[in-house]
Amino acid sequence: MSNSHSHVIKIIILGNSGTGKTSMIHRFISEDVPNKHHPTIGIDFQARTIKTSSGRYVRLHMWDTAGQEQFRAIIGAYYRCSAGGIILYDVNDRDTFEGVSYWLEMLRKNADGAIHTPIILIGNKIDIEKSRQVSFDEANKYAGEVGIRYAEISAKTGIGINEAMIRLVDDIENHYIKGDRACSGIKLGARLEYQDNTATINHNKSKCC
């Protein structure tokens, strides 16, 4: 299928190890999650073309980062190249929620857009409701206090992922593209041939640089 995208948008995905970052990306990109998963080593990369709420086609370059402390120096270089960020935690593991403040601080300190970088906090694994340690209200309140969006998803079932992603991409489009603000994490696109990696989200349904 022939298609085009107006911009390439770089998004960094952050969070403690074991929160489901890689599974979320695989579900978003291919609507599938690998049966066997190994921790990300350093940085991994996935891409998908989507249509924003305004009708603009954009190409997302999604940088999947390792949560382990020994890789944090490597990840640092990628903050500056990002137009937006996703911080993921596990709603069933309070320690991963406590780690959100670190990732938020690092992103806002080092990103090209600094404090204005669009960010969404995402609580994953809501399909395991009986083990929940962080309530929606608590996490949503925290997100409001620090000025970022909040959403909850299940990488296992796919619930909420498309909706969360389009909210973030719309924020990036509104702030940088429509607002005509420069960002090293956004480049002009080009006409290309796409096969399985081109998709449009149904809005009616609930190396660096």
N, C-alpha and C. Protein backbone atom coordinates (compact mmCIF):
# COMPACT_ATOMS: atom_id res chain seq x y z
N MET A 1 0.85 -1.20 0.00
CA MET A 1 0.00 0.00 0.00
C MET A 1 0.88 1.24 0.00
N SER A 2 0.61 2.20 -0.85
CA SER A 2 1.38 3.43 -0.90
C SER A 2 0.79 4.44 0.08
N ASN A 3 1.64 5.07 0.82
CA ASN A 3 1.19 6.06 1.80
C ASN A 3 2.32 7.03 2.05
N SER A 4 2.07 8.09 2.75
CA SER A 4 3.10 9.06 3.06
C SER A 4 2.90 9.56 4.47
N HIS A 5 3.95 10.09 5.05
CA HIS A 5 3.85 10.69 6.37
C HIS A 5 4.49 12.06 6.33
N SER A 6 3.89 12.98 7.04
CA SER A 6 4.39 14.36 7.02
C SER A 6 5.59 14.55 7.92
N HIS A 7 5.66 13.76 9.01
CA HIS A 7 6.74 13.92 9.97
C HIS A 7 7.15 12.57 10.56
N VAL A 8 8.40 12.52 11.00
CA VAL A 8 8.91 11.40 11.79
C VAL A 8 9.04 11.90 13.23
N ILE A 9 8.40 11.20 14.16
CA ILE A 9 8.37 11.62 15.56
C ILE A 9 9.05 10.57 16.42
N LYS A 10 10.01 11.00 17.21
CA LYS A 10 10.75 10.08 18.07
C LYS A 10 10.19 10.13 19.49
N ILE A 11 9.86 8.95 20.00
CA ILE A 11 9.28 8.81 21.34
C ILE A 11 10.12 7.84 22.15
N ILE A 12 10.45 8.21 23.38
CA ILE A 12 11.23 7.35 24.25
C ILE A 12 10.32 6.71 25.30
N ILE A 13 10.52 5.43 25.55
CA ILE A 13 9.72 4.70 26.54
C ILE A 13 10.61 4.36 27.72
N LEU A 14 10.22 4.82 28.90
CA LEU A 14 11.03 4.69 30.11
C LEU A 14 10.27 3.96 31.19
N GLY A 15 11.00 3.48 32.19
CA GLY A 15 10.37 2.81 33.33
C GLY A 15 11.28 1.73 33.88
N ASN A 16 10.98 1.32 35.09
CA ASN A 16 11.78 0.27 35.73
C ASN A 16 11.71 -1.04 34.95
N SER A 17 12.66 -1.89 35.18
CA SER A 17 12.68 -3.21 34.55
C SER A 17 11.47 -4.02 34.97
N GLY A 18 10.88 -4.76 34.03
CA GLY A 18 9.76 -5.64 34.32
C GLY A 18 8.40 -4.98 34.27
N THR A 19 8.32 -3.74 33.84
CA THR A 19 7.03 -3.05 33.80
C THR A 19 6.24 -3.37 32.54
N GLY A 20 6.88 -3.97 31.52
CA GLY A 20 6.17 -4.35 30.31
C GLY A 20 6.35 -3.41 29.14
N LYS A 21 7.44 -2.66 29.13
CA LYS A 21 7.67 -1.69 28.05
C LYS A 21 7.75 -2.38 26.69
N THR A 22 8.55 -3.43 26.60
CA THR A 22 8.71 -4.13 25.32
C THR A 22 7.40 -4.78 24.89
N SER A 23 6.68 -5.38 25.83
CA SER A 23 5.40 -6.01 25.49
C SER A 23 4.40 -4.98 24.99
N MET A 24 4.37 -3.80 25.61
CA MET A 24 3.46 -2.75 25.17
C MET A 24 3.78 -2.32 23.74
N ILE A 25 5.07 -2.15 23.43
CA ILE A 25 5.46 -1.73 22.09
C ILE A 25 5.10 -2.79 21.06
N HIS A 26 5.38 -4.05 21.36
CA HIS A 26 5.04 -5.13 20.43
C HIS A 26 3.53 -5.17 20.19
N ARG A 27 2.75 -4.99 21.23
CA ARG A 27 1.29 -4.99 21.08
C ARG A 27 0.85 -3.83 20.20
N PHE A 28 1.45 -2.66 20.38
CA PHE A 28 1.09 -1.48 19.60
C PHE A 28 1.52 -1.61 18.15
N ILE A 29 2.71 -2.15 17.93
CA ILE A 29 3.25 -2.24 16.58
C ILE A 29 2.60 -3.36 15.77
N SER A 30 2.50 -4.55 16.37
CA SER A 30 2.06 -5.72 15.61
C SER A 30 0.81 -6.39 16.18
N GLU A 31 0.23 -5.82 17.24
CA GLU A 31 -0.94 -6.38 17.91
C GLU A 31 -0.67 -7.78 18.42
N ASP A 32 0.57 -8.02 18.81
CA ASP A 32 0.97 -9.33 19.32
C ASP A 32 2.02 -9.13 20.40
N VAL A 33 2.11 -10.09 21.31
CA VAL A 33 3.11 -10.07 22.38
C VAL A 33 3.86 -11.39 22.34
N PRO A 34 5.20 -11.38 22.29
CA PRO A 34 5.96 -12.63 22.24
C PRO A 34 5.67 -13.52 23.44
N ASN A 35 5.64 -14.84 23.22
CA ASN A 35 5.41 -15.78 24.33
C ASN A 35 6.57 -15.76 25.32
N LYS A 36 7.78 -15.62 24.78
CA LYS A 36 8.96 -15.56 25.62
C LYS A 36 9.58 -14.17 25.50
N HIS A 37 9.88 -13.59 26.65
CA HIS A 37 10.42 -12.23 26.64
C HIS A 37 11.68 -12.17 27.47
N HIS A 38 12.70 -11.49 26.92
CA HIS A 38 13.94 -11.28 27.63
C HIS A 38 14.12 -9.79 27.88
N PRO A 39 14.71 -9.40 28.99
CA PRO A 39 14.90 -7.97 29.30
C PRO A 39 15.65 -7.26 28.18
N THR A 40 15.24 -6.03 27.91
CA THR A 40 15.91 -5.23 26.89
C THR A 40 17.33 -4.91 27.32
N ILE A 41 18.27 -5.05 26.40
CA ILE A 41 19.67 -4.72 26.67
C ILE A 41 19.98 -3.39 26.01
N GLY A 42 20.09 -2.34 26.81
CA GLY A 42 20.39 -1.01 26.28
C GLY A 42 19.17 -0.38 25.63
N ILE A 43 19.16 -0.32 24.28
CA ILE A 43 18.10 0.35 23.53
C ILE A 43 17.61 -0.54 22.39
N ASP A 44 16.31 -0.58 22.19
CA ASP A 44 15.73 -1.27 21.05
C ASP A 44 14.84 -0.28 20.30
N PHE A 45 14.49 -0.60 19.07
CA PHE A 45 13.78 0.35 18.21
C PHE A 45 12.65 -0.34 17.45
N GLN A 46 11.48 0.32 17.42
CA GLN A 46 10.34 -0.14 16.64
C GLN A 46 9.72 1.07 15.95
N ALA A 47 8.96 0.84 14.86
CA ALA A 47 8.36 1.95 14.13
C ALA A 47 6.97 1.59 13.63
N ARG A 48 6.12 2.62 13.55
CA ARG A 48 4.77 2.44 13.03
C ARG A 48 4.26 3.78 12.52
N THR A 49 3.48 3.75 11.45
CA THR A 49 2.84 4.95 10.93
C THR A 49 1.38 4.97 11.37
N ILE A 50 0.95 6.10 11.90
CA ILE A 50 -0.44 6.23 12.34
C ILE A 50 -1.04 7.54 11.83
N LYS A 51 -2.34 7.67 11.97
CA LYS A 51 -3.02 8.91 11.64
C LYS A 51 -3.45 9.60 12.92
N THR A 52 -3.11 10.86 13.08
CA THR A 52 -3.47 11.61 14.28
C THR A 52 -4.96 11.97 14.24
N SER A 53 -5.45 12.53 15.32
CA SER A 53 -6.86 12.92 15.38
C SER A 53 -7.20 13.99 14.35
N SER A 54 -6.19 14.77 13.94
CA SER A 54 -6.44 15.83 12.96
C SER A 54 -6.37 15.32 11.53
N GLY A 55 -6.00 14.04 11.35
CA GLY A 55 -5.92 13.46 10.02
C GLY A 55 -4.54 13.44 9.41
N ARG A 56 -3.54 13.83 10.17
CA ARG A 56 -2.17 13.86 9.68
C ARG A 56 -1.51 12.48 9.87
N TYR A 57 -0.84 11.98 8.83
CA TYR A 57 -0.08 10.73 8.97
C TYR A 57 1.32 11.05 9.47
N VAL A 58 1.73 10.36 10.53
CA VAL A 58 3.08 10.55 11.08
C VAL A 58 3.72 9.19 11.31
N ARG A 59 5.02 9.16 11.23
CA ARG A 59 5.80 7.94 11.46
C ARG A 59 6.39 8.01 12.86
N LEU A 60 6.06 7.04 13.70
CA LEU A 60 6.58 7.01 15.06
C LEU A 60 7.81 6.13 15.12
N HIS A 61 8.90 6.67 15.64
CA HIS A 61 10.09 5.91 15.97
C HIS A 61 10.11 5.77 17.49
N MET A 62 9.92 4.55 17.96
CA MET A 62 9.74 4.30 19.39
C MET A 62 10.99 3.62 19.95
N TRP A 63 11.61 4.28 20.90
CA TRP A 63 12.84 3.79 21.50
C TRP A 63 12.53 3.10 22.82
N ASP A 64 12.72 1.80 22.83
CA ASP A 64 12.47 0.96 24.00
C ASP A 64 13.76 0.90 24.83
N THR A 65 13.70 1.33 26.07
CA THR A 65 14.90 1.43 26.89
C THR A 65 14.93 0.37 27.99
N ALA A 66 16.13 0.00 28.38
CA ALA A 66 16.31 -0.95 29.48
C ALA A 66 16.08 -0.24 30.80
N GLY A 67 15.44 -0.94 31.74
CA GLY A 67 15.16 -0.34 33.05
C GLY A 67 16.26 -0.56 34.06
N GLN A 68 17.18 -1.48 33.78
CA GLN A 68 18.23 -1.80 34.74
C GLN A 68 19.19 -0.62 34.90
N GLU A 69 19.66 -0.44 36.12
CA GLU A 69 20.50 0.71 36.45
C GLU A 69 21.78 0.78 35.61
N GLN A 70 22.37 -0.37 35.27
CA GLN A 70 23.64 -0.36 34.55
C GLN A 70 23.53 0.20 33.14
N PHE A 71 22.31 0.34 32.61
CA PHE A 71 22.14 0.86 31.26
C PHE A 71 21.72 2.33 31.24
N ARG A 72 21.60 2.96 32.39
CA ARG A 72 21.06 4.31 32.43
C ARG A 72 21.96 5.34 31.77
N ALA A 73 23.27 5.12 31.79
CA ALA A 73 24.18 6.05 31.11
C ALA A 73 23.99 5.99 29.60
N ILE A 74 23.70 4.79 29.07
CA ILE A 74 23.47 4.64 27.64
C ILE A 74 22.19 5.36 27.23
N ILE A 75 21.16 5.21 28.06
CA ILE A 75 19.85 5.78 27.75
C ILE A 75 19.92 7.31 27.70
N GLY A 76 20.80 7.89 28.51
CA GLY A 76 20.86 9.35 28.63
C GLY A 76 20.96 10.09 27.31
N ALA A 77 21.69 9.54 26.36
CA ALA A 77 21.87 10.21 25.07
C ALA A 77 20.57 10.30 24.28
N TYR A 78 19.62 9.44 24.57
CA TYR A 78 18.38 9.38 23.80
C TYR A 78 17.31 10.34 24.31
N TYR A 79 17.46 10.84 25.53
CA TYR A 79 16.51 11.82 26.03
C TYR A 79 16.45 13.04 25.11
N ARG A 80 17.61 13.53 24.70
CA ARG A 80 17.70 14.78 23.95
C ARG A 80 17.09 14.68 22.56
N CYS A 81 16.92 13.48 22.07
CA CYS A 81 16.41 13.29 20.71
C CYS A 81 14.91 13.02 20.67
N SER A 82 14.23 13.13 21.79
CA SER A 82 12.83 12.69 21.87
C SER A 82 11.85 13.85 21.83
N ALA A 83 10.78 13.69 21.05
CA ALA A 83 9.72 14.69 21.01
C ALA A 83 8.67 14.44 22.09
N GLY A 84 8.66 13.23 22.64
CA GLY A 84 7.70 12.89 23.68
C GLY A 84 8.16 11.67 24.43
N GLY A 85 7.56 11.45 25.59
CA GLY A 85 7.98 10.33 26.41
C GLY A 85 6.83 9.56 27.02
N ILE A 86 7.04 8.27 27.18
CA ILE A 86 6.12 7.40 27.91
C ILE A 86 6.86 6.85 29.11
N ILE A 87 6.27 7.00 30.28
CA ILE A 87 6.83 6.40 31.49
C ILE A 87 5.87 5.32 31.95
N LEU A 88 6.36 4.10 31.99
CA LEU A 88 5.52 2.95 32.29
C LEU A 88 5.81 2.42 33.68
N TYR A 89 4.76 2.04 34.40
CA TYR A 89 4.93 1.33 35.67
C TYR A 89 3.90 0.22 35.75
N ASP A 90 4.11 -0.68 36.68
CA ASP A 90 3.22 -1.83 36.89
C ASP A 90 2.29 -1.50 38.06
N VAL A 91 0.98 -1.47 37.81
CA VAL A 91 0.02 -1.11 38.86
C VAL A 91 0.03 -2.11 40.01
N ASN A 92 0.64 -3.26 39.80
CA ASN A 92 0.70 -4.30 40.83
C ASN A 92 2.03 -4.30 41.59
N ASP A 93 2.88 -3.33 41.30
CA ASP A 93 4.21 -3.26 41.92
C ASP A 93 4.50 -1.81 42.31
N ARG A 94 4.33 -1.50 43.59
CA ARG A 94 4.48 -0.11 44.04
C ARG A 94 5.90 0.41 43.81
N ASP A 95 6.89 -0.45 43.89
CA ASP A 95 8.26 0.01 43.67
C ASP A 95 8.43 0.63 42.29
N THR A 96 7.75 0.09 41.29
CA THR A 96 7.87 0.65 39.94
C THR A 96 7.19 2.01 39.85
N PHE A 97 6.14 2.21 40.65
CA PHE A 97 5.48 3.51 40.70
C PHE A 97 6.37 4.53 41.40
N GLU A 98 7.04 4.10 42.45
CA GLU A 98 7.96 4.98 43.16
C GLU A 98 9.12 5.40 42.26
N GLY A 99 9.45 4.59 41.27
CA GLY A 99 10.53 4.92 40.35
C GLY A 99 10.15 5.93 39.28
N VAL A 100 8.87 6.24 39.16
CA VAL A 100 8.41 7.15 38.11
C VAL A 100 9.07 8.52 38.24
N SER A 101 9.21 9.01 39.46
CA SER A 101 9.75 10.36 39.66
C SER A 101 11.17 10.47 39.12
N TYR A 102 11.96 9.40 39.23
CA TYR A 102 13.32 9.42 38.68
C TYR A 102 13.29 9.59 37.17
N TRP A 103 12.48 8.77 36.48
CA TRP A 103 12.42 8.83 35.02
C TRP A 103 11.88 10.17 34.54
N LEU A 104 10.91 10.71 35.25
CA LEU A 104 10.35 12.01 34.89
C LEU A 104 11.41 13.10 35.04
N GLU A 105 12.15 13.05 36.13
CA GLU A 105 13.20 14.05 36.35
C GLU A 105 14.26 13.99 35.26
N MET A 106 14.70 12.78 34.91
CA MET A 106 15.73 12.62 33.90
C MET A 106 15.25 13.10 32.53
N LEU A 107 14.02 12.79 32.19
CA LEU A 107 13.49 13.20 30.89
C LEU A 107 13.35 14.71 30.81
N ARG A 108 12.80 15.30 31.84
CA ARG A 108 12.62 16.76 31.82
C ARG A 108 13.94 17.51 31.92
N LYS A 109 14.91 16.91 32.53
CA LYS A 109 16.22 17.55 32.67
C LYS A 109 17.01 17.51 31.37
N ASN A 110 16.84 16.45 30.59
CA ASN A 110 17.71 16.23 29.44
C ASN A 110 17.03 16.34 28.08
N ALA A 111 15.72 16.29 28.03
CA ALA A 111 15.03 16.32 26.73
C ALA A 111 15.19 17.67 26.05
N ASP A 112 15.12 17.65 24.73
CA ASP A 112 15.26 18.87 23.94
C ASP A 112 14.21 19.91 24.33
N GLY A 113 12.99 19.45 24.57
CA GLY A 113 11.92 20.37 24.92
C GLY A 113 11.80 20.64 26.41
N ALA A 114 12.66 19.99 27.20
CA ALA A 114 12.71 20.18 28.65
C ALA A 114 11.33 20.04 29.29
N ILE A 115 10.93 21.03 30.06
CA ILE A 115 9.69 20.95 30.83
C ILE A 115 8.46 20.84 29.94
N HIS A 116 8.58 21.27 28.68
CA HIS A 116 7.42 21.28 27.78
C HIS A 116 7.25 19.98 26.99
N THR A 117 8.17 19.05 27.13
CA THR A 117 8.08 17.79 26.40
C THR A 117 6.80 17.05 26.77
N PRO A 118 5.93 16.72 25.81
CA PRO A 118 4.71 15.96 26.13
C PRO A 118 5.06 14.58 26.69
N ILE A 119 4.46 14.24 27.81
CA ILE A 119 4.74 12.98 28.50
C ILE A 119 3.42 12.36 28.95
N ILE A 120 3.35 11.03 28.88
CA ILE A 120 2.20 10.32 29.44
C ILE A 120 2.70 9.24 30.38
N LEU A 121 2.13 9.21 31.56
CA LEU A 121 2.40 8.15 32.53
C LEU A 121 1.38 7.05 32.29
N ILE A 122 1.86 5.81 32.16
CA ILE A 122 0.97 4.69 31.87
C ILE A 122 1.12 3.61 32.92
N GLY A 123 0.00 3.22 33.51
CA GLY A 123 -0.04 2.08 34.43
C GLY A 123 -0.39 0.82 33.65
N ASN A 124 0.50 -0.15 33.67
CA ASN A 124 0.33 -1.38 32.90
C ASN A 124 -0.15 -2.52 33.80
N LYS A 125 -0.60 -3.59 33.17
CA LYS A 125 -1.01 -4.85 33.79
C LYS A 125 -2.29 -4.71 34.60
N ILE A 126 -3.24 -3.94 34.08
CA ILE A 126 -4.52 -3.81 34.78
C ILE A 126 -5.36 -5.08 34.66
N ASP A 127 -4.92 -6.03 33.83
CA ASP A 127 -5.63 -7.30 33.74
C ASP A 127 -5.41 -8.16 34.98
N ILE A 128 -4.42 -7.81 35.82
CA ILE A 128 -4.16 -8.55 37.06
C ILE A 128 -4.71 -7.73 38.22
N GLU A 129 -5.98 -7.46 38.20
CA GLU A 129 -6.62 -6.52 39.13
C GLU A 129 -6.50 -6.94 40.59
N LYS A 130 -6.50 -8.23 40.89
CA LYS A 130 -6.49 -8.69 42.28
C LYS A 130 -5.18 -8.36 43.00
N SER A 131 -4.11 -8.12 42.23
CA SER A 131 -2.81 -7.85 42.83
C SER A 131 -2.48 -6.36 42.88
N ARG A 132 -3.42 -5.52 42.56
CA ARG A 132 -3.17 -4.08 42.40
C ARG A 132 -2.66 -3.44 43.70
N GLN A 133 -1.58 -2.63 43.55
CA GLN A 133 -1.00 -1.92 44.68
C GLN A 133 -1.08 -0.40 44.54
N VAL A 134 -1.37 0.07 43.32
CA VAL A 134 -1.47 1.52 43.07
C VAL A 134 -2.82 1.78 42.41
N SER A 135 -3.66 2.57 43.05
CA SER A 135 -5.00 2.83 42.53
C SER A 135 -4.95 3.83 41.37
N PHE A 136 -6.00 3.80 40.57
CA PHE A 136 -6.12 4.77 39.48
C PHE A 136 -6.10 6.18 40.02
N ASP A 137 -6.87 6.43 41.09
CA ASP A 137 -6.98 7.78 41.64
C ASP A 137 -5.63 8.30 42.13
N GLU A 138 -4.84 7.44 42.78
CA GLU A 138 -3.54 7.88 43.27
C GLU A 138 -2.61 8.26 42.12
N ALA A 139 -2.54 7.41 41.13
CA ALA A 139 -1.64 7.67 40.00
C ALA A 139 -2.11 8.86 39.18
N ASN A 140 -3.42 8.97 38.98
CA ASN A 140 -3.97 10.09 38.21
C ASN A 140 -3.74 11.41 38.93
N LYS A 141 -3.84 11.39 40.24
CA LYS A 141 -3.59 12.60 41.03
C LYS A 141 -2.13 13.01 40.91
N TYR A 142 -1.23 12.04 41.00
CA TYR A 142 0.20 12.33 40.87
C TYR A 142 0.50 12.94 39.50
N ALA A 143 -0.05 12.34 38.45
CA ALA A 143 0.17 12.85 37.10
C ALA A 143 -0.30 14.30 36.97
N GLY A 144 -1.45 14.58 37.55
CA GLY A 144 -1.96 15.95 37.51
C GLY A 144 -1.06 16.93 38.23
N GLU A 145 -0.51 16.50 39.34
CA GLU A 145 0.36 17.37 40.14
C GLU A 145 1.66 17.70 39.41
N VAL A 146 2.17 16.76 38.62
CA VAL A 146 3.44 17.00 37.91
C VAL A 146 3.21 17.46 36.46
N GLY A 147 1.95 17.61 36.07
CA GLY A 147 1.63 18.19 34.77
C GLY A 147 1.78 17.27 33.57
N ILE A 148 1.45 15.98 33.74
CA ILE A 148 1.51 15.05 32.61
C ILE A 148 0.20 14.28 32.52
N ARG A 149 0.00 13.61 31.40
CA ARG A 149 -1.20 12.81 31.22
C ARG A 149 -1.08 11.49 31.97
N TYR A 150 -2.24 10.83 32.16
CA TYR A 150 -2.22 9.50 32.76
C TYR A 150 -3.18 8.60 32.03
N ALA A 151 -2.80 7.33 31.89
CA ALA A 151 -3.66 6.32 31.27
C ALA A 151 -3.30 4.96 31.85
N GLU A 152 -4.22 4.00 31.71
CA GLU A 152 -3.95 2.64 32.16
C GLU A 152 -4.20 1.68 31.01
N ILE A 153 -3.36 0.64 30.95
CA ILE A 153 -3.42 -0.30 29.84
C ILE A 153 -3.18 -1.73 30.32
N SER A 154 -3.37 -2.65 29.42
CA SER A 154 -2.90 -4.02 29.58
C SER A 154 -2.17 -4.40 28.31
N ALA A 155 -0.85 -4.56 28.41
CA ALA A 155 -0.08 -5.00 27.25
C ALA A 155 -0.48 -6.41 26.84
N LYS A 156 -0.93 -7.20 27.80
CA LYS A 156 -1.32 -8.58 27.52
C LYS A 156 -2.56 -8.65 26.66
N THR A 157 -3.56 -7.84 26.95
CA THR A 157 -4.83 -7.88 26.21
C THR A 157 -4.94 -6.79 25.16
N GLY A 158 -4.11 -5.76 25.27
CA GLY A 158 -4.16 -4.65 24.32
C GLY A 158 -5.07 -3.51 24.75
N ILE A 159 -5.77 -3.67 25.86
CA ILE A 159 -6.71 -2.64 26.32
C ILE A 159 -6.00 -1.32 26.56
N GLY A 160 -6.53 -0.24 25.97
CA GLY A 160 -6.08 1.11 26.27
C GLY A 160 -4.83 1.60 25.56
N ILE A 161 -4.10 0.72 24.86
CA ILE A 161 -2.82 1.12 24.30
C ILE A 161 -2.99 2.13 23.15
N ASN A 162 -3.83 1.83 22.18
CA ASN A 162 -4.04 2.76 21.07
C ASN A 162 -4.51 4.12 21.56
N GLU A 163 -5.43 4.11 22.51
CA GLU A 163 -5.97 5.37 23.03
C GLU A 163 -4.89 6.19 23.72
N ALA A 164 -4.07 5.55 24.51
CA ALA A 164 -2.99 6.26 25.20
C ALA A 164 -1.99 6.84 24.21
N MET A 165 -1.64 6.06 23.18
CA MET A 165 -0.67 6.51 22.21
C MET A 165 -1.18 7.70 21.41
N ILE A 166 -2.43 7.67 20.99
CA ILE A 166 -2.94 8.77 20.19
C ILE A 166 -3.04 10.04 21.02
N ARG A 167 -3.31 9.93 22.32
CA ARG A 167 -3.34 11.11 23.18
C ARG A 167 -1.96 11.77 23.23
N LEU A 168 -0.92 10.96 23.37
CA LEU A 168 0.43 11.50 23.40
C LEU A 168 0.81 12.11 22.06
N VAL A 169 0.53 11.41 20.97
CA VAL A 169 0.91 11.91 19.65
C VAL A 169 0.15 13.20 19.32
N ASP A 170 -1.11 13.28 19.72
CA ASP A 170 -1.88 14.52 19.52
C ASP A 170 -1.23 15.68 20.27
N ASP A 171 -0.77 15.42 21.50
CA ASP A 171 -0.10 16.46 22.28
C ASP A 171 1.18 16.92 21.59
N ILE A 172 1.95 15.97 21.06
CA ILE A 172 3.18 16.31 20.35
C ILE A 172 2.87 17.13 19.11
N GLU A 173 1.85 16.70 18.36
CA GLU A 173 1.46 17.44 17.16
C GLU A 173 1.03 18.86 17.50
N ASN A 174 0.19 19.00 18.51
CA ASN A 174 -0.32 20.32 18.88
C ASN A 174 0.79 21.24 19.37
N HIS A 175 1.70 20.70 20.17
CA HIS A 175 2.74 21.54 20.76
C HIS A 175 3.83 21.91 19.76
N TYR A 176 4.34 20.93 19.03
CA TYR A 176 5.48 21.18 18.16
C TYR A 176 5.10 21.50 16.72
N ILE A 177 4.28 20.65 16.10
CA ILE A 177 4.00 20.82 14.68
C ILE A 177 3.03 21.97 14.44
N LYS A 178 1.88 21.93 15.08
CA LYS A 178 0.93 23.04 14.92
C LYS A 178 1.43 24.31 15.58
N GLY A 179 2.19 24.15 16.68
CA GLY A 179 2.73 25.31 17.37
C GLY A 179 3.99 25.87 16.73
N ASP A 180 4.46 25.19 15.66
CA ASP A 180 5.64 25.63 14.92
C ASP A 180 6.84 25.84 15.83
N ARG A 181 7.07 24.84 16.70
CA ARG A 181 8.21 24.89 17.61
C ARG A 181 9.25 23.87 17.15
N ALA A 182 10.50 24.25 17.19
CA ALA A 182 11.58 23.36 16.76
C ALA A 182 11.79 22.25 17.79
N CYS A 183 12.12 21.05 17.30
CA CYS A 183 12.41 19.91 18.17
C CYS A 183 13.29 18.93 17.41
N SER A 184 14.42 18.54 18.01
CA SER A 184 15.32 17.61 17.34
C SER A 184 14.70 16.22 17.19
N GLY A 185 13.61 15.96 17.91
CA GLY A 185 12.95 14.67 17.84
C GLY A 185 11.88 14.59 16.78
N ILE A 186 11.75 15.63 15.96
CA ILE A 186 10.76 15.65 14.88
C ILE A 186 11.45 16.06 13.58
N LYS A 187 11.29 15.23 12.56
CA LYS A 187 11.85 15.52 11.24
C LYS A 187 10.74 15.48 10.20
N LEU A 188 10.95 16.18 9.09
CA LEU A 188 10.00 16.12 7.99
C LEU A 188 10.02 14.72 7.39
N GLY A 189 8.85 14.22 7.00
CA GLY A 189 8.73 12.88 6.47
C GLY A 189 8.98 12.82 4.99
N ALA A 190 8.74 11.64 4.43
CA ALA A 190 8.94 11.41 3.00
C ALA A 190 7.95 10.37 2.52
N ARG A 191 7.71 10.34 1.23
CA ARG A 191 6.79 9.35 0.67
C ARG A 191 7.50 8.01 0.58
N LEU A 192 6.89 6.97 1.15
CA LEU A 192 7.49 5.65 1.17
C LEU A 192 6.44 4.59 0.88
N GLU A 193 6.87 3.37 0.67
CA GLU A 193 5.97 2.24 0.49
C GLU A 193 5.87 1.49 1.80
N TYR A 194 4.65 1.28 2.29
CA TYR A 194 4.43 0.57 3.53
C TYR A 194 3.63 -0.70 3.30
N GLN A 195 3.90 -1.67 4.11
CA GLN A 195 3.13 -2.90 4.08
C GLN A 195 2.39 -3.05 5.41
N ASP A 196 2.85 -4.01 6.24
CA ASP A 196 2.13 -4.31 7.48
C ASP A 196 2.32 -3.27 8.56
N ASN A 197 3.32 -2.39 8.42
CA ASN A 197 3.61 -1.46 9.50
C ASN A 197 2.92 -0.12 9.33
N THR A 198 1.92 -0.03 8.46
CA THR A 198 1.11 1.17 8.33
C THR A 198 -0.28 0.88 8.89
N ALA A 199 -0.74 1.75 9.77
CA ALA A 199 -2.04 1.51 10.39
C ALA A 199 -2.69 2.81 10.78
N THR A 200 -4.00 2.79 10.82
CA THR A 200 -4.77 3.94 11.28
C THR A 200 -5.52 3.55 12.54
N ILE A 201 -5.42 4.37 13.57
CA ILE A 201 -6.15 4.11 14.81
C ILE A 201 -7.59 4.55 14.67
N ASN A 202 -8.50 3.76 15.12
CA ASN A 202 -9.92 4.11 15.12
C ASN A 202 -10.18 4.96 16.35
N HIS A 203 -10.43 6.25 16.15
CA HIS A 203 -10.59 7.15 17.28
C HIS A 203 -11.94 7.00 17.97
N ASN A 204 -12.84 6.26 17.40
CA ASN A 204 -14.15 6.07 18.00
C ASN A 204 -14.14 4.97 19.03
N LYS A 205 -13.07 4.16 19.04
CA LYS A 205 -12.94 3.05 19.99
C LYS A 205 -12.11 3.48 21.18
N SER A 206 -13.50 2.75 22.39
CA SER A 206 -12.81 2.90 23.64
C SER A 206 -11.55 1.99 23.51
N LYS A 207 20.15 4.81 15.66
CA LYS A 207 21.04 5.53 16.54
C LYS A 207 20.38 6.86 16.68
N CYS A 208 20.63 7.56 17.77
CA CYS A 208 19.77 8.65 18.13
C CYS A 208 19.93 9.85 17.20
N CYS A 209 18.81 10.55 16.98
CA CYS A 209 18.77 11.74 16.15
C CYS A 209 19.16 11.45 14.71
